[in-house]
C-alpha atoms as a PDB file:
ATOM      1  CA  MET A   1     -87.089 101.322 -26.357  1.00  0.00           C
ATOM      2  CA  ALA A   2     -86.277 103.936 -23.812  1.00  0.00           C
ATOM      3  CA  LEU A   3     -88.511 102.169 -21.322  1.00  0.00           C
ATOM      4  CA  LEU A   4     -86.613  98.916 -21.642  1.00  0.00           C
ATOM      5  CA  GLU A   5     -83.241 100.564 -21.053  1.00  0.00           C
ATOM      6  CA  GLN A   6     -84.423 102.287 -17.888  1.00  0.00           C
ATOM      7  CA  GLN A   7     -85.606  99.132 -16.124  1.00  0.00           C
ATOM      8  CA  PRO A   8     -83.004  97.537 -13.888  1.00  0.00           C
ATOM      9  CA  THR A   9     -81.831  94.074 -14.993  1.00  0.00           C
ATOM     10  CA  GLU A  10     -82.517  91.212 -12.633  1.00  0.00           C
ATOM     11  CA  LYS A  11     -79.791  88.792 -11.625  1.00  0.00           C
ATOM     12  CA  LYS A  12     -80.317  85.274 -12.844  1.00  0.00           C
ATOM     13  CA  GLY A  13     -78.878  82.834 -10.289  1.00  0.00           C
ATOM     14  CA  PRO A  14     -76.932  82.935  -7.049  1.00  0.00           C
ATOM     15  CA  SER A  15     -73.812  84.974  -6.574  1.00  0.00           C
ATOM     16  CA  LEU A  16     -70.293  83.583  -6.851  1.00  0.00           C
ATOM     17  CA  VAL A  17     -69.848  83.609  -3.055  1.00  0.00           C
ATOM     18  CA  VAL A  18     -72.955  81.470  -2.527  1.00  0.00           C
ATOM     19  CA  GLN A  19     -71.815  79.006  -5.187  1.00  0.00           C
ATOM     20  CA  LEU A  20     -68.376  78.632  -3.567  1.00  0.00           C
ATOM     21  CA  ALA A  21     -69.948  78.145  -0.139  1.00  0.00           C
ATOM     22  CA  MET A  22     -72.232  75.400  -1.500  1.00  0.00           C
ATOM     23  CA  LEU A  23     -69.246  73.741  -3.195  1.00  0.00           C
ATOM     24  CA  LEU A  24     -67.336  73.658   0.099  1.00  0.00           C
ATOM     25  CA  VAL A  25     -70.341  72.291   2.014  1.00  0.00           C
ATOM     26  CA  MET A  26     -70.944  69.538  -0.585  1.00  0.00           C
ATOM     27  CA  SER A  27     -67.227  68.608  -0.613  1.00  0.00           C
ATOM     28  CA  ALA A  28     -67.195  68.357   3.174  1.00  0.00           C
ATOM     29  CA  LEU A  29     -70.295  66.145   3.109  1.00  0.00           C
ATOM     30  CA  ALA A  30     -68.760  63.883   0.450  1.00  0.00           C
ATOM     31  CA  ALA A  31     -65.511  63.530   2.411  1.00  0.00           C
ATOM     32  CA  GLY A  32     -67.404  62.769   5.630  1.00  0.00           C
ATOM     33  CA  THR A  33     -69.560  60.173   3.907  1.00  0.00           C
ATOM     34  CA  ALA A  34     -66.502  58.499   2.351  1.00  0.00           C
ATOM     35  CA  TRP A  35     -64.715  58.414   5.710  1.00  0.00           C
ATOM     36  CA  PHE A  36     -67.785  56.952   7.444  1.00  0.00           C
ATOM     37  CA  ALA A  37     -68.298  54.316   4.725  1.00  0.00           C
ATOM     38  CA  GLY A  38     -64.618  53.339   4.787  1.00  0.00           C
ATOM     39  CA  SER A  39     -64.511  52.948   8.546  1.00  0.00           C
ATOM     40  CA  TYR A  40     -67.782  50.984   8.510  1.00  0.00           C
ATOM     41  CA  LEU A  41     -66.536  48.569   5.828  1.00  0.00           C
ATOM     42  CA  GLN A  42     -63.198  48.138   7.554  1.00  0.00           C
ATOM     43  CA  SER A  43     -64.902  47.297  10.852  1.00  0.00           C
ATOM     44  CA  ARG A  44     -67.105  44.707   9.126  1.00  0.00           C
ATOM     45  CA  SER A  45     -64.267  42.960   7.322  1.00  0.00           C
ATOM     46  CA  GLY A  46     -61.668  43.210  10.065  1.00  0.00           C
ATOM     47  CA  SER A  47     -58.199  44.561   9.715  1.00  0.00           C
ATOM     48  CA  VAL A  48     -55.736  43.531   7.021  1.00  0.00           C
ATOM     49  CA  GLU A  49     -53.371  41.821   9.456  1.00  0.00           C
ATOM     50  CA  GLU A  50     -55.991  39.409  10.823  1.00  0.00           C
ATOM     51  CA  PRO A  51     -56.480  37.298   7.655  1.00  0.00           C
ATOM     52  CA  ALA A  52     -52.723  36.810   7.276  1.00  0.00           C
ATOM     53  CA  ALA A  53     -52.444  35.629  10.884  1.00  0.00           C
ATOM     54  CA  THR A  54     -55.477  33.379  10.448  1.00  0.00           C
ATOM     55  CA  ALA A  55     -53.982  31.849   7.302  1.00  0.00           C
ATOM     56  CA  GLU A  56     -50.711  31.123   9.101  1.00  0.00           C
ATOM     57  CA  GLU A  57     -52.595  29.489  11.976  1.00  0.00           C
ATOM     58  CA  SER A  58     -54.635  27.313   9.607  1.00  0.00           C
ATOM     59  CA  VAL A  59     -51.480  26.179   7.774  1.00  0.00           C
ATOM     60  CA  ALA A  60     -49.868  25.327  11.103  1.00  0.00           C
ATOM     61  CA  SER A  61     -52.946  23.368  12.211  1.00  0.00           C
ATOM     62  CA  ASP A  62     -53.040  21.528   8.858  1.00  0.00           C
ATOM     63  CA  HIS A  63     -49.418  20.468   9.311  1.00  0.00           C
ATOM     64  CA  ALA A  64     -50.204  19.325  12.847  1.00  0.00           C
ATOM     65  CA  ASN A  65     -53.183  17.296  11.598  1.00  0.00           C
ATOM     66  CA  ASP A  66     -51.079  15.725   8.851  1.00  0.00           C
ATOM     67  CA  GLU A  67     -48.464  14.652  11.362  1.00  0.00           C
ATOM     68  CA  ASP A  68     -51.145  13.056  13.533  1.00  0.00           C
ATOM     69  CA  GLY A  69     -52.745  11.350  10.529  1.00  0.00           C
ATOM     70  CA  ALA A  70     -56.103  12.844  11.449  1.00  0.00           C
ATOM     71  CA  GLY A  71     -56.128  15.447   8.639  1.00  0.00           C
ATOM     72  CA  LYS A  72     -58.393  15.285   5.621  1.00  0.00           C
ATOM     73  CA  SER A  73     -57.042  14.066   2.330  1.00  0.00           C
ATOM     74  CA  GLN A  74     -55.460  16.888   0.381  1.00  0.00           C
ATOM     75  CA  PRO A  75     -56.732  17.532  -3.136  1.00  0.00           C
ATOM     76  CA  GLY A  76     -54.526  16.238  -5.913  1.00  0.00           C
ATOM     77  CA  ILE A  77     -53.926  18.237  -9.074  1.00  0.00           C
ATOM     78  CA  PHE A  78     -53.506  16.373 -12.347  1.00  0.00           C
ATOM     79  CA  MET A  79     -52.135  18.341 -15.288  1.00  0.00           C
ATOM     80  CA  MET A  80     -53.766  17.051 -18.473  1.00  0.00           C
ATOM     81  CA  GLU A  81     -52.224  17.081 -21.917  1.00  0.00           C
ATOM     82  CA  PRO A  82     -53.315  20.123 -23.980  1.00  0.00           C
ATOM     83  CA  ILE A  83     -56.493  19.738 -26.006  1.00  0.00           C
ATOM     84  CA  THR A  84     -56.186  21.124 -29.532  1.00  0.00           C
ATOM     85  CA  THR A  85     -59.176  20.914 -31.863  1.00  0.00           C
ATOM     86  CA  ASN A  86     -61.266  22.964 -34.203  1.00  0.00           C
ATOM     87  CA  LEU A  87     -64.648  24.387 -33.219  1.00  0.00           C
ATOM     88  CA  ALA A  88     -67.948  23.251 -34.666  1.00  0.00           C
ATOM     89  CA  GLU A  89     -68.669  26.620 -36.238  1.00  0.00           C
ATOM     90  CA  PRO A  90     -66.695  28.204 -37.870  1.00  0.00           C
ATOM     91  CA  SER A  91     -64.557  25.167 -38.476  1.00  0.00           C
ATOM     92  CA  GLU A  92     -61.531  27.331 -39.371  1.00  0.00           C
ATOM     93  CA  VAL A  93     -61.191  28.455 -35.735  1.00  0.00           C
ATOM     94  CA  TRP A  94     -58.995  26.278 -33.544  1.00  0.00           C
ATOM     95  CA  VAL A  95     -58.954  26.079 -29.767  1.00  0.00           C
ATOM     96  CA  ARG A  96     -56.114  24.998 -27.507  1.00  0.00           C
ATOM     97  CA  ALA A  97     -57.041  24.343 -23.887  1.00  0.00           C
ATOM     98  CA  GLU A  98     -54.480  23.528 -21.227  1.00  0.00           C
ATOM     99  CA  LEU A  99     -56.400  22.255 -18.215  1.00  0.00           C
ATOM    100  CA  SER A 100     -55.702  20.766 -14.820  1.00  0.00           C
ATOM    101  CA  LEU A 101     -58.068  18.603 -12.809  1.00  0.00           C
ATOM    102  CA  VAL A 102     -58.434  18.995  -9.055  1.00  0.00           C
ATOM    103  CA  PHE A 103     -59.261  15.597  -7.586  1.00  0.00           C
ATOM    104  CA  ASP A 104     -60.765  15.179  -4.126  1.00  0.00           C
ATOM    105  CA  GLY A 105     -58.105  12.669  -3.192  1.00  0.00           C
ATOM    106  CA  GLU A 106     -55.299  11.013  -5.099  1.00  0.00           C
ATOM    107  CA  PRO A 107     -55.406  11.696  -8.893  1.00  0.00           C
ATOM    108  CA  ASP A 108     -56.340   8.736 -11.079  1.00  0.00           C
ATOM    109  CA  PRO A 109     -54.522   8.846 -14.463  1.00  0.00           C
ATOM    110  CA  VAL A 110     -56.933   6.394 -16.117  1.00  0.00           C
ATOM    111  CA  MET A 111     -59.940   8.483 -15.098  1.00  0.00           C
ATOM    112  CA  ALA A 112     -58.110  11.646 -16.180  1.00  0.00           C
ATOM    113  CA  ALA A 113     -57.546  10.132 -19.637  1.00  0.00           C
ATOM    114  CA  ALA A 114     -61.277   9.380 -19.940  1.00  0.00           C
ATOM    115  CA  ILE A 115     -62.107  12.929 -18.853  1.00  0.00           C
ATOM    116  CA  HIS A 116     -59.578  14.269 -21.379  1.00  0.00           C
ATOM    117  CA  GLN A 117     -61.337  12.445 -24.205  1.00  0.00           C
ATOM    118  CA  ASP A 118     -64.763  13.592 -23.010  1.00  0.00           C
ATOM    119  CA  LEU A 119     -63.676  17.234 -22.838  1.00  0.00           C
ATOM    120  CA  PHE A 120     -62.037  16.914 -26.255  1.00  0.00           C
ATOM    121  CA  ALA A 121     -65.296  15.644 -27.741  1.00  0.00           C
ATOM    122  CA  TYR A 122     -67.258  18.420 -26.043  1.00  0.00           C
ATOM    123  CA  LEU A 123     -64.954  21.188 -27.296  1.00  0.00           C
ATOM    124  CA  ARG A 124     -65.510  19.967 -30.866  1.00  0.00           C
ATOM    125  CA  THR A 125     -69.230  20.774 -30.462  1.00  0.00           C
ATOM    126  CA  VAL A 126     -68.710  24.350 -29.199  1.00  0.00           C
ATOM    127  CA  LYS A 127     -69.534  27.214 -31.551  1.00  0.00           C
ATOM    128  CA  LEU A 128     -67.549  30.435 -31.500  1.00  0.00           C
ATOM    129  CA  ARG A 129     -70.598  32.603 -30.813  1.00  0.00           C
ATOM    130  CA  GLN A 130     -71.186  30.603 -27.603  1.00  0.00           C
ATOM    131  CA  VAL A 131     -67.872  31.708 -26.096  1.00  0.00           C
ATOM    132  CA  GLU A 132     -67.479  35.237 -27.489  1.00  0.00           C
ATOM    133  CA  THR A 133     -68.611  36.965 -24.298  1.00  0.00           C
ATOM    134  CA  ALA A 134     -67.417  36.750 -20.719  1.00  0.00           C
ATOM    135  CA  SER A 135     -70.593  34.964 -19.670  1.00  0.00           C
ATOM    136  CA  GLY A 136     -70.083  32.524 -22.551  1.00  0.00           C
ATOM    137  CA  LEU A 137     -66.634  31.655 -21.254  1.00  0.00           C
ATOM    138  CA  GLN A 138     -68.079  31.240 -17.764  1.00  0.00           C
ATOM    139  CA  HIS A 139     -70.697  28.843 -19.155  1.00  0.00           C
ATOM    140  CA  LEU A 140     -67.967  26.908 -20.985  1.00  0.00           C
ATOM    141  CA  ARG A 141     -65.989  26.650 -17.759  1.00  0.00           C
ATOM    142  CA  SER A 142     -68.992  25.388 -15.795  1.00  0.00           C
ATOM    143  CA  ASP A 143     -69.955  22.937 -18.567  1.00  0.00           C
ATOM    144  CA  LEU A 144     -66.457  21.454 -18.616  1.00  0.00           C
ATOM    145  CA  ALA A 145     -66.385  21.204 -14.821  1.00  0.00           C
ATOM    146  CA  GLU A 146     -69.794  19.524 -14.790  1.00  0.00           C
ATOM    147  CA  ARG A 147     -68.774  17.003 -17.455  1.00  0.00           C
ATOM    148  CA  ALA A 148     -65.569  16.176 -15.559  1.00  0.00           C
ATOM    149  CA  SER A 149     -67.466  15.754 -12.299  1.00  0.00           C
ATOM    150  CA  ILE A 150     -70.054  13.461 -13.904  1.00  0.00           C
ATOM    151  CA  ARG A 151     -67.421  11.380 -15.708  1.00  0.00           C
ATOM    152  CA  SER A 152     -65.405  10.943 -12.497  1.00  0.00           C
ATOM    153  CA  GLU A 153     -68.493  10.315 -10.337  1.00  0.00           C
ATOM    154  CA  GLY A 154     -67.675  13.319  -8.163  1.00  0.00           C
ATOM    155  CA  ALA A 155     -63.951  12.703  -7.747  1.00  0.00           C
ATOM    156  CA  VAL A 156     -63.050  15.838  -9.750  1.00  0.00           C
ATOM    157  CA  LYS A 157     -63.970  18.931  -7.764  1.00  0.00           C
ATOM    158  CA  GLN A 158     -62.745  21.647 -10.099  1.00  0.00           C
ATOM    159  CA  ILE A 159     -61.091  22.341 -13.440  1.00  0.00           C
ATOM    160  CA  LEU A 160     -58.271  24.864 -13.569  1.00  0.00           C
ATOM    161  CA  PHE A 161     -57.623  26.670 -16.842  1.00  0.00           C
ATOM    162  CA  ARG A 162     -53.895  27.153 -17.413  1.00  0.00           C
ATOM    163  CA  ALA A 163     -54.418  28.485 -20.946  1.00  0.00           C
ATOM    164  CA  LEU A 164     -57.307  28.881 -23.371  1.00  0.00           C
ATOM    165  CA  LEU A 165     -56.412  30.067 -26.848  1.00  0.00           C
ATOM    166  CA  PHE A 166     -58.649  30.583 -29.859  1.00  0.00           C
ATOM    167  CA  GLU A 167     -56.929  30.971 -33.212  1.00  0.00           C
END
């Protein structure tokens, strides 16, 4: 035992000064990398003021085109009546969907009524497990938009969800 006590103990690891120096060097590298990445991304996307100016110019040019009569037809939004129905499974769960249709041109109320009935019939076939996840809701949204586009022969460009409630 006396032999073990006489041997000097070896240090295990770097000293506190070396650790602090490495911490400072790594922090400086991280800050430099963040600054470089931020300036690179800002140069690629442009400054914040440019999109606002571009948007104002496009609105002004749209108004000028509308006055000349040479502008494209503006999309029309048709607010449908709310759809309230129960799901296919479980049948105790109800869904209320408040939707709007974005038409390519002028909204057609007769076509919107046909689309309303088609979407109503489709929502009755949906099962709760199909829409439980975020991707399920995205699939529901794309399915409804596809059905509306097919029913309107391409006149409906998009469906806007104002409210979607499951109870």
